[in-house]
Amino acid sequence: MIIYSVTINIDADIAQEWLQWMLKVHIPDVLKTGCFTGYKIHQLLHPPADDKKSITYNIHYFCPDENTLQCYFENFAPKLQEEHKKRYEGKFVAIRTILKEITQNV
């Protein structure tokens, strides 16, 4: 399994509105692409002491393989990322990484 991990640092004053938009609009749109089997959202509990003006979230999207992820990047990601950027420009920083699951012990 491949995990497409998106870490977002969002301004605290709009964080709740952003989270609701992600849950109701953006994440469903990502899942509608058919490239992912699910997702999880995490919130960073202990941010740096000097950062009281933002909240950090991490979203893991679960993808069956690298070819499917490449399809997402080529056919869907630019539009979806642009929608997010237009809505929250200047209010967030995003870091995107790709992880390959090696083991699972749940």
C-alpha atoms as a PDB file:
ATOM      1  CA  MET A   1       0.000   0.000   0.000  1.00  0.00           C
ATOM      2  CA  ILE A   2       1.083   3.541  -0.763  1.00  0.00           C
ATOM      3  CA  ILE A   3       0.209   6.404   1.560  1.00  0.00           C
ATOM      4  CA  TYR A   4      -0.041   9.884   0.131  1.00  0.00           C
ATOM      5  CA  SER A   5       0.585  12.060   3.182  1.00  0.00           C
ATOM      6  CA  VAL A   6      -0.412  15.725   3.165  1.00  0.00           C
ATOM      7  CA  THR A   7       0.603  17.850   6.134  1.00  0.00           C
ATOM      8  CA  ILE A   8      -1.169  21.202   6.335  1.00  0.00           C
ATOM      9  CA  ASN A   9      -0.300  24.032   8.677  1.00  0.00           C
ATOM     10  CA  ILE A  10      -3.392  26.271   8.650  1.00  0.00           C
ATOM     11  CA  ASP A  11      -4.043  29.596  10.361  1.00  0.00           C
ATOM     12  CA  ALA A  12      -5.819  28.937  13.662  1.00  0.00           C
ATOM     13  CA  ASP A  13      -8.543  31.526  13.006  1.00  0.00           C
ATOM     14  CA  ILE A  14      -9.882  29.538  10.036  1.00  0.00           C
ATOM     15  CA  ALA A  15      -8.862  26.009  11.070  1.00  0.00           C
ATOM     16  CA  GLN A  16     -12.364  24.812  11.982  1.00  0.00           C
ATOM     17  CA  GLU A  17     -13.901  26.155   8.782  1.00  0.00           C
ATOM     18  CA  TRP A  18     -11.039  24.577   6.793  1.00  0.00           C
ATOM     19  CA  LEU A  19     -11.519  21.207   8.505  1.00  0.00           C
ATOM     20  CA  GLN A  20     -15.258  21.212   7.738  1.00  0.00           C
ATOM     21  CA  TRP A  21     -14.582  22.091   4.085  1.00  0.00           C
ATOM     22  CA  MET A  22     -12.010  19.304   3.881  1.00  0.00           C
ATOM     23  CA  LEU A  23     -14.443  16.757   5.346  1.00  0.00           C
ATOM     24  CA  LYS A  24     -17.485  17.833   3.315  1.00  0.00           C
ATOM     25  CA  VAL A  25     -15.956  18.892  -0.012  1.00  0.00           C
ATOM     26  CA  HIS A  26     -12.262  18.333  -0.668  1.00  0.00           C
ATOM     27  CA  ILE A  27     -11.703  14.825   0.720  1.00  0.00           C
ATOM     28  CA  PRO A  28     -14.898  13.462  -0.894  1.00  0.00           C
ATOM     29  CA  ASP A  29     -13.697  14.952  -4.204  1.00  0.00           C
ATOM     30  CA  VAL A  30     -10.309  13.242  -3.767  1.00  0.00           C
ATOM     31  CA  LEU A  31     -11.997   9.917  -3.028  1.00  0.00           C
ATOM     32  CA  LYS A  32     -14.323  10.309  -6.046  1.00  0.00           C
ATOM     33  CA  THR A  33     -11.256  10.055  -8.288  1.00  0.00           C
ATOM     34  CA  GLY A  34     -11.199   6.332  -7.529  1.00  0.00           C
ATOM     35  CA  CYS A  35      -7.464   6.460  -6.789  1.00  0.00           C
ATOM     36  CA  PHE A  36      -7.740   6.030  -3.018  1.00  0.00           C
ATOM     37  CA  THR A  37      -9.414   3.462  -0.797  1.00  0.00           C
ATOM     38  CA  GLY A  38      -9.734   5.683   2.270  1.00  0.00           C
ATOM     39  CA  TYR A  39      -8.096   8.284   4.467  1.00  0.00           C
ATOM     40  CA  LYS A  40      -7.236   9.271   8.032  1.00  0.00           C
ATOM     41  CA  ILE A  41      -6.812  12.729   9.539  1.00  0.00           C
ATOM     42  CA  HIS A  42      -4.520  13.487  12.452  1.00  0.00           C
ATOM     43  CA  GLN A  43      -3.885  16.715  14.347  1.00  0.00           C
ATOM     44  CA  LEU A  44      -0.490  17.607  15.771  1.00  0.00           C
ATOM     45  CA  LEU A  45      -1.018  17.794  19.536  1.00  0.00           C
ATOM     46  CA  HIS A  46       2.198  19.475  20.634  1.00  0.00           C
ATOM     47  CA  PRO A  47       3.161  22.192  18.168  1.00  0.00           C
ATOM     48  CA  PRO A  48       6.306  24.220  18.722  1.00  0.00           C
ATOM     49  CA  ALA A  49       5.915  26.618  21.673  1.00  0.00           C
ATOM     50  CA  ASP A  50       6.362  29.643  19.422  1.00  0.00           C
ATOM     51  CA  ASP A  51       3.532  28.625  17.051  1.00  0.00           C
ATOM     52  CA  LYS A  52       0.185  29.606  18.598  1.00  0.00           C
ATOM     53  CA  LYS A  53      -1.203  31.105  15.395  1.00  0.00           C
ATOM     54  CA  SER A  54      -1.662  27.910  13.410  1.00  0.00           C
ATOM     55  CA  ILE A  55      -2.820  24.317  13.697  1.00  0.00           C
ATOM     56  CA  THR A  56      -1.175  21.394  11.932  1.00  0.00           C
ATOM     57  CA  TYR A  57      -3.109  18.484  10.436  1.00  0.00           C
ATOM     58  CA  ASN A  58      -1.899  15.436   8.562  1.00  0.00           C
ATOM     59  CA  ILE A  59      -4.057  13.526   6.112  1.00  0.00           C
ATOM     60  CA  HIS A  60      -3.123  10.036   4.940  1.00  0.00           C
ATOM     61  CA  TYR A  61      -4.784   8.926   1.715  1.00  0.00           C
ATOM     62  CA  PHE A  62      -4.483   5.177   1.076  1.00  0.00           C
ATOM     63  CA  CYS A  63      -3.612   4.124  -2.452  1.00  0.00           C
ATOM     64  CA  PRO A  64      -3.236   0.538  -3.720  1.00  0.00           C
ATOM     65  CA  ASP A  65      -0.067   1.103  -5.787  1.00  0.00           C
ATOM     66  CA  GLU A  66       2.322   3.626  -7.306  1.00  0.00           C
ATOM     67  CA  ASN A  67       0.709   3.501 -10.778  1.00  0.00           C
ATOM     68  CA  THR A  68      -2.637   4.534  -9.325  1.00  0.00           C
ATOM     69  CA  LEU A  69      -0.994   7.356  -7.404  1.00  0.00           C
ATOM     70  CA  GLN A  70       0.732   8.525 -10.577  1.00  0.00           C
ATOM     71  CA  CYS A  71      -2.659   8.550 -12.301  1.00  0.00           C
ATOM     72  CA  TYR A  72      -3.973  10.762  -9.503  1.00  0.00           C
ATOM     73  CA  PHE A  73      -1.048  13.178  -9.847  1.00  0.00           C
ATOM     74  CA  GLU A  74      -1.411  13.404 -13.623  1.00  0.00           C
ATOM     75  CA  ASN A  75      -5.200  13.584 -13.937  1.00  0.00           C
ATOM     76  CA  PHE A  76      -6.686  14.979 -10.726  1.00  0.00           C
ATOM     77  CA  ALA A  77      -4.197  16.569  -8.318  1.00  0.00           C
ATOM     78  CA  PRO A  78      -3.575  19.844 -10.197  1.00  0.00           C
ATOM     79  CA  LYS A  79      -7.253  20.834 -10.207  1.00  0.00           C
ATOM     80  CA  LEU A  80      -7.909  19.760  -6.616  1.00  0.00           C
ATOM     81  CA  GLN A  81      -4.779  21.476  -5.308  1.00  0.00           C
ATOM     82  CA  GLU A  82      -5.664  24.656  -7.198  1.00  0.00           C
ATOM     83  CA  GLU A  83      -9.157  24.716  -5.639  1.00  0.00           C
ATOM     84  CA  HIS A  84      -7.587  24.441  -2.181  1.00  0.00           C
ATOM     85  CA  LYS A  85      -5.003  27.109  -2.969  1.00  0.00           C
ATOM     86  CA  LYS A  86      -7.597  29.594  -4.256  1.00  0.00           C
ATOM     87  CA  ARG A  87      -9.788  29.121  -1.204  1.00  0.00           C
ATOM     88  CA  TYR A  88      -7.020  29.360   1.421  1.00  0.00           C
ATOM     89  CA  GLU A  89      -4.182  31.207  -0.293  1.00  0.00           C
ATOM     90  CA  GLY A  90      -1.859  32.851   2.197  1.00  0.00           C
ATOM     91  CA  LYS A  91      -3.437  30.950   5.099  1.00  0.00           C
ATOM     92  CA  PHE A  92      -1.651  27.585   4.862  1.00  0.00           C
ATOM     93  CA  VAL A  93       1.545  25.721   4.128  1.00  0.00           C
ATOM     94  CA  ALA A  94       1.378  22.207   2.664  1.00  0.00           C
ATOM     95  CA  ILE A  95       3.976  19.463   2.662  1.00  0.00           C
ATOM     96  CA  ARG A  96       3.263  16.383   0.580  1.00  0.00           C
ATOM     97  CA  THR A  97       5.104  13.071   0.933  1.00  0.00           C
ATOM     98  CA  ILE A  98       4.684   9.544  -0.353  1.00  0.00           C
ATOM     99  CA  LEU A  99       5.116   6.577   1.970  1.00  0.00           C
ATOM    100  CA  LYS A 100       5.262   2.869   1.223  1.00  0.00           C
ATOM    101  CA  GLU A 101       3.785   0.610   3.882  1.00  0.00           C
ATOM    102  CA  ILE A 102       6.246  -2.084   4.924  1.00  0.00           C
ATOM    103  CA  THR A 103       4.390  -3.756   7.820  1.00  0.00           C
ATOM    104  CA  GLN A 104       1.205  -3.334   9.785  1.00  0.00           C
ATOM    105  CA  ASN A 105       0.632  -4.416  13.360  1.00  0.00           C
ATOM    106  CA  VAL A 106      -2.864  -3.373  14.327  1.00  0.00           C
END
